Amino acid sequence: MKNKMIDALVFESKGYFLKANEIYDEILTLDPQNETALAGKKRINEMITCNRAKLELFLSDDETDQIEFERWLTQI
């Protein structure tokens, strides 16, 4: 299981969130209380939520949303 955790952390660090999430799910199937896997899934969920919100701003036709998106881009 240690190798799976390392794989998940590597995938997550490289931005392959879906693959990392799959591995965390595998770990949690075997050990539902695994704190590292639970924390990894939480981080990924927060990242995906943030990305969805920014995607909505990016795709919006509203000028205020576009300005907010541009402001966010300049901060990263």
PDB file of N, CA and C in Angstrom:
ATOM      1  N   MET A   1       0.827  -1.192   0.000  1.00  0.00           N
ATOM      2  CA  MET A   1       0.000   0.000   0.000  1.00  0.00           C
ATOM      3  C   MET A   1       0.875   1.261   0.000  1.00  0.00           C
ATOM      4  N   LYS A   2       2.072   1.140   0.561  1.00  0.00           N
ATOM      5  CA  LYS A   2       2.979   2.287   0.601  1.00  0.00           C
ATOM      6  C   LYS A   2       3.321   2.761  -0.812  1.00  0.00           C
ATOM      7  N   ASN A   3       3.531   1.818  -1.737  1.00  0.00           N
ATOM      8  CA  ASN A   3       3.837   2.186  -3.125  1.00  0.00           C
ATOM      9  C   ASN A   3       2.666   2.901  -3.787  1.00  0.00           C
ATOM     10  N   LYS A   4       1.447   2.457  -3.475  1.00  0.00           N
ATOM     11  CA  LYS A   4       0.273   3.125  -4.029  1.00  0.00           C
ATOM     12  C   LYS A   4       0.189   4.564  -3.536  1.00  0.00           C
ATOM     13  N   MET A   5       0.492   4.759  -2.267  1.00  0.00           N
ATOM     14  CA  MET A   5       0.439   6.110  -1.713  1.00  0.00           C
ATOM     15  C   MET A   5       1.475   6.996  -2.391  1.00  0.00           C
ATOM     16  N   ILE A   6       2.657   6.471  -2.597  1.00  0.00           N
ATOM     17  CA  ILE A   6       3.701   7.240  -3.282  1.00  0.00           C
ATOM     18  C   ILE A   6       3.248   7.581  -4.701  1.00  0.00           C
ATOM     19  N   ASP A   7       2.680   6.604  -5.398  1.00  0.00           N
ATOM     20  CA  ASP A   7       2.173   6.854  -6.758  1.00  0.00           C
ATOM     21  C   ASP A   7       1.119   7.960  -6.747  1.00  0.00           C
ATOM     22  N   ALA A   8       0.187   7.885  -5.809  1.00  0.00           N
ATOM     23  CA  ALA A   8      -0.874   8.890  -5.734  1.00  0.00           C
ATOM     24  C   ALA A   8      -0.294  10.279  -5.493  1.00  0.00           C
ATOM     25  N   LEU A   9       0.655  10.369  -4.584  1.00  0.00           N
ATOM     26  CA  LEU A   9       1.263  11.664  -4.284  1.00  0.00           C
ATOM     27  C   LEU A   9       2.039  12.214  -5.475  1.00  0.00           C
ATOM     28  N   VAL A  10       2.706  11.332  -6.209  1.00  0.00           N
ATOM     29  CA  VAL A  10       3.441  11.772  -7.402  1.00  0.00           C
ATOM     30  C   VAL A  10       2.469  12.274  -8.464  1.00  0.00           C
ATOM     31  N   PHE A  11       1.420  11.500  -8.726  1.00  0.00           N
ATOM     32  CA  PHE A  11       0.425  11.936  -9.715  1.00  0.00           C
ATOM     33  C   PHE A  11      -0.203  13.265  -9.301  1.00  0.00           C
ATOM     34  N   GLU A  12      -0.527  13.385  -8.033  1.00  0.00           N
ATOM     35  CA  GLU A  12      -1.130  14.634  -7.558  1.00  0.00           C
ATOM     36  C   GLU A  12      -0.170  15.802  -7.745  1.00  0.00           C
ATOM     37  N   SER A  13       1.099  15.604  -7.420  1.00  0.00           N
ATOM     38  CA  SER A  13       2.075  16.689  -7.537  1.00  0.00           C
ATOM     39  C   SER A  13       2.295  17.116  -8.979  1.00  0.00           C
ATOM     40  N   LYS A  14       2.068  16.200  -9.909  1.00  0.00           N
ATOM     41  CA  LYS A  14       2.231  16.519 -11.330  1.00  0.00           C
ATOM     42  C   LYS A  14       0.952  17.057 -11.959  1.00  0.00           C
ATOM     43  N   GLY A  15      -0.113  17.116 -11.155  1.00  0.00           N
ATOM     44  CA  GLY A  15      -1.376  17.662 -11.664  1.00  0.00           C
ATOM     45  C   GLY A  15      -2.301  16.635 -12.288  1.00  0.00           C
ATOM     46  N   TYR A  16      -1.973  15.359 -12.144  1.00  0.00           N
ATOM     47  CA  TYR A  16      -2.836  14.298 -12.662  1.00  0.00           C
ATOM     48  C   TYR A  16      -3.832  13.912 -11.566  1.00  0.00           C
ATOM     49  N   PHE A  17      -4.772  14.822 -11.323  1.00  0.00           N
ATOM     50  CA  PHE A  17      -5.660  14.687 -10.183  1.00  0.00           C
ATOM     51  C   PHE A  17      -6.612  13.497 -10.298  1.00  0.00           C
ATOM     52  N   LEU A  18      -7.113  13.232 -11.487  1.00  0.00           N
ATOM     53  CA  LEU A  18      -8.044  12.109 -11.636  1.00  0.00           C
ATOM     54  C   LEU A  18      -7.358  10.784 -11.346  1.00  0.00           C
ATOM     55  N   LYS A  19      -6.141  10.612 -11.842  1.00  0.00           N
ATOM     56  CA  LYS A  19      -5.404   9.373 -11.585  1.00  0.00           C
ATOM     57  C   LYS A  19      -5.070   9.255 -10.098  1.00  0.00           C
ATOM     58  N   ALA A  20      -4.631  10.336  -9.490  1.00  0.00           N
ATOM     59  CA  ALA A  20      -4.330  10.314  -8.061  1.00  0.00           C
ATOM     60  C   ALA A  20      -5.576   9.979  -7.260  1.00  0.00           C
ATOM     61  N   ASN A  21      -6.699  10.544  -7.646  1.00  0.00           N
ATOM     62  CA  ASN A  21      -7.955  10.284  -6.954  1.00  0.00           C
ATOM     63  C   ASN A  21      -8.342   8.807  -7.042  1.00  0.00           C
ATOM     64  N   GLU A  22      -8.128   8.196  -8.203  1.00  0.00           N
ATOM     65  CA  GLU A  22      -8.409   6.767  -8.365  1.00  0.00           C
ATOM     66  C   GLU A  22      -7.566   5.937  -7.394  1.00  0.00           C
ATOM     67  N   ILE A  23      -6.304   6.295  -7.275  1.00  0.00           N
ATOM     68  CA  ILE A  23      -5.418   5.542  -6.381  1.00  0.00           C
ATOM     69  C   ILE A  23      -5.829   5.757  -4.929  1.00  0.00           C
ATOM     70  N   TYR A  24      -6.172   6.990  -4.566  1.00  0.00           N
ATOM     71  CA  TYR A  24      -6.649   7.236  -3.207  1.00  0.00           C
ATOM     72  C   TYR A  24      -7.893   6.389  -2.926  1.00  0.00           C
ATOM     73  N   ASP A  25      -8.778   6.274  -3.914  1.00  0.00           N
ATOM     74  CA  ASP A  25      -9.972   5.438  -3.741  1.00  0.00           C
ATOM     75  C   ASP A  25      -9.595   3.974  -3.500  1.00  0.00           C
ATOM     76  N   GLU A  26      -8.604   3.486  -4.242  1.00  0.00           N
ATOM     77  CA  GLU A  26      -8.147   2.106  -4.043  1.00  0.00           C
ATOM     78  C   GLU A  26      -7.621   1.917  -2.616  1.00  0.00           C
ATOM     79  N   ILE A  27      -6.841   2.881  -2.155  1.00  0.00           N
ATOM     80  CA  ILE A  27      -6.286   2.805  -0.801  1.00  0.00           C
ATOM     81  C   ILE A  27      -7.410   2.813   0.227  1.00  0.00           C
ATOM     82  N   LEU A  28      -8.389   3.687   0.022  1.00  0.00           N
ATOM     83  CA  LEU A  28      -9.480   3.805   0.980  1.00  0.00           C
ATOM     84  C   LEU A  28     -10.402   2.593   0.960  1.00  0.00           C
ATOM     85  N   THR A  29     -10.432   1.863  -0.146  1.00  0.00           N
ATOM     86  CA  THR A  29     -11.191   0.621  -0.186  1.00  0.00           C
ATOM     87  C   THR A  29     -10.581  -0.390   0.779  1.00  0.00           C
ATOM     88  N   LEU A  30      -9.254  -0.414   0.826  1.00  0.00           N
ATOM     89  CA  LEU A  30      -8.553  -1.335   1.715  1.00  0.00           C
ATOM     90  C   LEU A  30      -8.460  -0.806   3.152  1.00  0.00           C
ATOM     91  N   ASP A  31      -8.362   0.507   3.289  1.00  0.00           N
ATOM     92  CA  ASP A  31      -8.188   1.127   4.607  1.00  0.00           C
ATOM     93  C   ASP A  31      -9.007   2.422   4.650  1.00  0.00           C
ATOM     94  N   PRO A  32     -10.308   2.322   4.952  1.00  0.00           N
ATOM     95  CA  PRO A  32     -11.198   3.487   4.903  1.00  0.00           C
ATOM     96  C   PRO A  32     -10.801   4.646   5.825  1.00  0.00           C
ATOM     97  N   GLN A  33      -9.961   4.401   6.799  1.00  0.00           N
ATOM     98  CA  GLN A  33      -9.569   5.453   7.735  1.00  0.00           C
ATOM     99  C   GLN A  33      -8.173   6.012   7.453  1.00  0.00           C
ATOM    100  N   ASN A  34      -7.607   5.692   6.299  1.00  0.00           N
ATOM    101  CA  ASN A  34      -6.259   6.139   5.973  1.00  0.00           C
ATOM    102  C   ASN A  34      -6.242   7.663   5.865  1.00  0.00           C
ATOM    103  N   GLU A  35      -5.596   8.291   6.821  1.00  0.00           N
ATOM    104  CA  GLU A  35      -5.619   9.754   6.909  1.00  0.00           C
ATOM    105  C   GLU A  35      -4.923  10.435   5.737  1.00  0.00           C
ATOM    106  N   THR A  36      -3.854   9.840   5.244  1.00  0.00           N
ATOM    107  CA  THR A  36      -3.132  10.446   4.123  1.00  0.00           C
ATOM    108  C   THR A  36      -3.986  10.426   2.859  1.00  0.00           C
ATOM    109  N   ALA A  37      -4.654   9.314   2.602  1.00  0.00           N
ATOM    110  CA  ALA A  37      -5.518   9.215   1.424  1.00  0.00           C
ATOM    111  C   ALA A  37      -6.730  10.133   1.555  1.00  0.00           C
ATOM    112  N   LEU A  38      -7.299  10.205   2.743  1.00  0.00           N
ATOM    113  CA  LEU A  38      -8.433  11.109   2.963  1.00  0.00           C
ATOM    114  C   LEU A  38      -8.017  12.563   2.741  1.00  0.00           C
ATOM    115  N   ALA A  39      -6.839  12.918   3.228  1.00  0.00           N
ATOM    116  CA  ALA A  39      -6.342  14.288   3.035  1.00  0.00           C
ATOM    117  C   ALA A  39      -6.063  14.564   1.561  1.00  0.00           C
ATOM    118  N   GLY A  40      -5.535  13.559   0.847  1.00  0.00           N
ATOM    119  CA  GLY A  40      -5.285  13.715  -0.586  1.00  0.00           C
ATOM    120  C   GLY A  40      -6.565  13.939  -1.359  1.00  0.00           C
ATOM    121  N   LYS A  41      -7.596  13.158  -1.037  1.00  0.00           N
ATOM    122  CA  LYS A  41      -8.885  13.342  -1.713  1.00  0.00           C
ATOM    123  C   LYS A  41      -9.468  14.718  -1.409  1.00  0.00           C
ATOM    124  N   LYS A  42      -9.284  15.186  -0.189  1.00  0.00           N
ATOM    125  CA  LYS A  42      -9.781  16.518   0.173  1.00  0.00           C
ATOM    126  C   LYS A  42      -9.061  17.603  -0.626  1.00  0.00           C
ATOM    127  N   ARG A  43      -7.724  17.490  -0.742  1.00  0.00           N
ATOM    128  CA  ARG A  43      -6.952  18.474  -1.521  1.00  0.00           C
ATOM    129  C   ARG A  43      -7.409  18.494  -2.975  1.00  0.00           C
ATOM    130  N   ILE A  44      -7.584  17.306  -3.537  1.00  0.00           N
ATOM    131  CA  ILE A  44      -7.997  17.216  -4.940  1.00  0.00           C
ATOM    132  C   ILE A  44      -9.381  17.825  -5.123  1.00  0.00           C
ATOM    133  N   ASN A  45     -10.283  17.529  -4.212  1.00  0.00           N
ATOM    134  CA  ASN A  45     -11.633  18.083  -4.311  1.00  0.00           C
ATOM    135  C   ASN A  45     -11.607  19.607  -4.261  1.00  0.00           C
ATOM    136  N   GLU A  46     -10.786  20.163  -3.378  1.00  0.00           N
ATOM    137  CA  GLU A  46     -10.669  21.619  -3.297  1.00  0.00           C
ATOM    138  C   GLU A  46     -10.092  22.196  -4.585  1.00  0.00           C
ATOM    139  N   MET A  47      -9.111  21.520  -5.157  1.00  0.00           N
ATOM    140  CA  MET A  47      -8.497  21.984  -6.400  1.00  0.00           C
ATOM    141  C   MET A  47      -9.496  21.946  -7.545  1.00  0.00           C
ATOM    142  N   ILE A  48     -10.236  20.858  -7.647  1.00  0.00           N
ATOM    143  CA  ILE A  48     -11.214  20.724  -8.725  1.00  0.00           C
ATOM    144  C   ILE A  48     -12.314  21.767  -8.573  1.00  0.00           C
ATOM    145  N   THR A  49     -12.749  22.008  -7.342  1.00  0.00           N
ATOM    146  CA  THR A  49     -13.782  23.011  -7.099  1.00  0.00           C
ATOM    147  C   THR A  49     -13.287  24.384  -7.525  1.00  0.00           C
ATOM    148  N   CYS A  50     -12.055  24.711  -7.176  1.00  0.00           N
ATOM    149  CA  CYS A  50     -11.466  25.995  -7.559  1.00  0.00           C
ATOM    150  C   CYS A  50     -11.386  26.097  -9.075  1.00  0.00           C
ATOM    151  N   ASN A  51     -10.935  25.044  -9.725  1.00  0.00           N
ATOM    152  CA  ASN A  51     -10.796  25.059 -11.174  1.00  0.00           C
ATOM    153  C   ASN A  51     -12.142  25.220 -11.872  1.00  0.00           C
ATOM    154  N   ARG A  52     -13.178  24.586 -11.349  1.00  0.00           N
ATOM    155  CA  ARG A  52     -14.517  24.735 -11.946  1.00  0.00           C
ATOM    156  C   ARG A  52     -14.990  26.183 -11.848  1.00  0.00           C
ATOM    157  N   ALA A  53     -14.771  26.788 -10.695  1.00  0.00           N
ATOM    158  CA  ALA A  53     -15.191  28.174 -10.505  1.00  0.00           C
ATOM    159  C   ALA A  53     -14.446  29.094 -11.466  1.00  0.00           C
ATOM    160  N   LYS A  54     -13.154  28.869 -11.627  1.00  0.00           N
ATOM    161  CA  LYS A  54     -12.368  29.706 -12.544  1.00  0.00           C
ATOM    162  C   LYS A  54     -12.760  29.451 -13.992  1.00  0.00           C
ATOM    163  N   LEU A  55     -13.099  28.213 -14.331  1.00  0.00           N
ATOM    164  CA  LEU A  55     -13.552  27.905 -15.682  1.00  0.00           C
ATOM    165  C   LEU A  55     -14.859  28.634 -15.983  1.00  0.00           C
ATOM    166  N   GLU A  56     -15.745  28.674 -15.008  1.00  0.00           N
ATOM    167  CA  GLU A  56     -17.006  29.389 -15.208  1.00  0.00           C
ATOM    168  C   GLU A  56     -16.766  30.875 -15.443  1.00  0.00           C
ATOM    169  N   LEU A  57     -15.823  31.453 -14.703  1.00  0.00           N
ATOM    170  CA  LEU A  57     -15.482  32.858 -14.936  1.00  0.00           C
ATOM    171  C   LEU A  57     -14.904  33.047 -16.335  1.00  0.00           C
ATOM    172  N   PHE A  58     -14.024  32.137 -16.739  1.00  0.00           N
ATOM    173  CA  PHE A  58     -13.377  32.221 -18.041  1.00  0.00           C
ATOM    174  C   PHE A  58     -14.399  32.155 -19.179  1.00  0.00           C
ATOM    175  N   LEU A  59     -15.390  31.293 -19.034  1.00  0.00           N
ATOM    176  CA  LEU A  59     -16.375  31.093 -20.094  1.00  0.00           C
ATOM    177  C   LEU A  59     -17.514  32.105 -20.072  1.00  0.00           C
ATOM    178  N   SER A  60     -17.589  32.887 -19.033  1.00  0.00           N
ATOM    179  CA  SER A  60     -18.689  33.829 -18.876  1.00  0.00           C
ATOM    180  C   SER A  60     -18.601  34.966 -19.894  1.00  0.00           C
ATOM    181  N   ASP A  61     -19.769  35.427 -20.319  1.00  0.00           N
ATOM    182  CA  ASP A  61     -19.847  36.587 -21.199  1.00  0.00           C
ATOM    183  C   ASP A  61     -19.931  37.895 -20.410  1.00  0.00           C
ATOM    184  N   ASP A  62     -20.100  37.771 -19.103  1.00  0.00           N
ATOM    185  CA  ASP A  62     -20.232  38.934 -18.242  1.00  0.00           C
ATOM    186  C   ASP A  62     -18.874  39.616 -18.062  1.00  0.00           C
ATOM    187  N   GLU A  63     -18.832  40.908 -18.317  1.00  0.00           N
ATOM    188  CA  GLU A  63     -17.575  41.649 -18.240  1.00  0.00           C
ATOM    189  C   GLU A  63     -16.975  41.623 -16.834  1.00  0.00           C
ATOM    190  N   THR A  64     -17.817  41.673 -15.816  1.00  0.00           N
ATOM    191  CA  THR A  64     -17.341  41.626 -14.432  1.00  0.00           C
ATOM    192  C   THR A  64     -16.645  40.300 -14.146  1.00  0.00           C
ATOM    193  N   ASP A  65     -17.204  39.207 -14.645  1.00  0.00           N
ATOM    194  CA  ASP A  65     -16.584  37.891 -14.460  1.00  0.00           C
ATOM    195  C   ASP A  65     -15.243  37.817 -15.168  1.00  0.00           C
ATOM    196  N   GLN A  66     -15.177  38.382 -16.365  1.00  0.00           N
ATOM    197  CA  GLN A  66     -13.924  38.355 -17.111  1.00  0.00           C
ATOM    198  C   GLN A  66     -12.843  39.163 -16.411  1.00  0.00           C
ATOM    199  N   ILE A  67     -13.221  40.291 -15.831  1.00  0.00           N
ATOM    200  CA  ILE A  67     -12.261  41.112 -15.083  1.00  0.00           C
ATOM    201  C   ILE A  67     -11.770  40.349 -13.855  1.00  0.00           C
ATOM    202  N   GLU A  68     -12.696  39.683 -13.166  1.00  0.00           N
ATOM    203  CA  GLU A  68     -12.310  38.891 -11.999  1.00  0.00           C
ATOM    204  C   GLU A  68     -11.358  37.760 -12.392  1.00  0.00           C
ATOM    205  N   PHE A  69     -11.629  37.119 -13.540  1.00  0.00           N
ATOM    206  CA  PHE A  69     -10.755  36.047 -14.018  1.00  0.00           C
ATOM    207  C   PHE A  69      -9.367  36.593 -14.350  1.00  0.00           C
ATOM    208  N   GLU A  70      -9.307  37.715 -15.020  1.00  0.00           N
ATOM    209  CA  GLU A  70      -8.017  38.334 -15.350  1.00  0.00           C
ATOM    210  C   GLU A  70      -7.249  38.704 -14.086  1.00  0.00           C
ATOM    211  N   ARG A  71      -7.960  39.203 -13.092  1.00  0.00           N
ATOM    212  CA  ARG A  71      -7.326  39.559 -11.823  1.00  0.00           C
ATOM    213  C   ARG A  71      -6.741  38.311 -11.164  1.00  0.00           C
ATOM    214  N   TRP A  72      -7.497  37.223 -11.203  1.00  0.00           N
ATOM    215  CA  TRP A  72      -7.012  35.965 -10.633  1.00  0.00           C
ATOM    216  C   TRP A  72      -5.774  35.470 -11.392  1.00  0.00           C
ATOM    217  N   LEU A  73      -5.793  35.572 -12.718  1.00  0.00           N
ATOM    218  CA  LEU A  73      -4.660  35.129 -13.518  1.00  0.00           C
ATOM    219  C   LEU A  73      -3.381  35.876 -13.173  1.00  0.00           C
ATOM    220  N   THR A  74      -3.496  37.147 -12.926  1.00  0.00           N
ATOM    221  CA  THR A  74      -2.302  37.938 -12.622  1.00  0.00           C
ATOM    222  C   THR A  74      -1.728  37.601 -11.257  1.00  0.00           C
ATOM    223  N   GLN A  75      -2.529  36.949 -10.409  1.00  0.00           N
ATOM    224  CA  GLN A  75      -2.052  36.598  -9.068  1.00  0.00           C
ATOM    225  C   GLN A  75      -1.332  35.263  -9.032  1.00  0.00           C
ATOM    226  N   ILE A  76      -1.520  34.430 -10.050  1.00  0.00           N
ATOM    227  CA  ILE A  76      -0.879  33.103 -10.019  1.00  0.00           C
ATOM    228  C   ILE A  76       0.466  33.118 -10.707  1.00  0.00           C
TER     229      ILE A  76
END
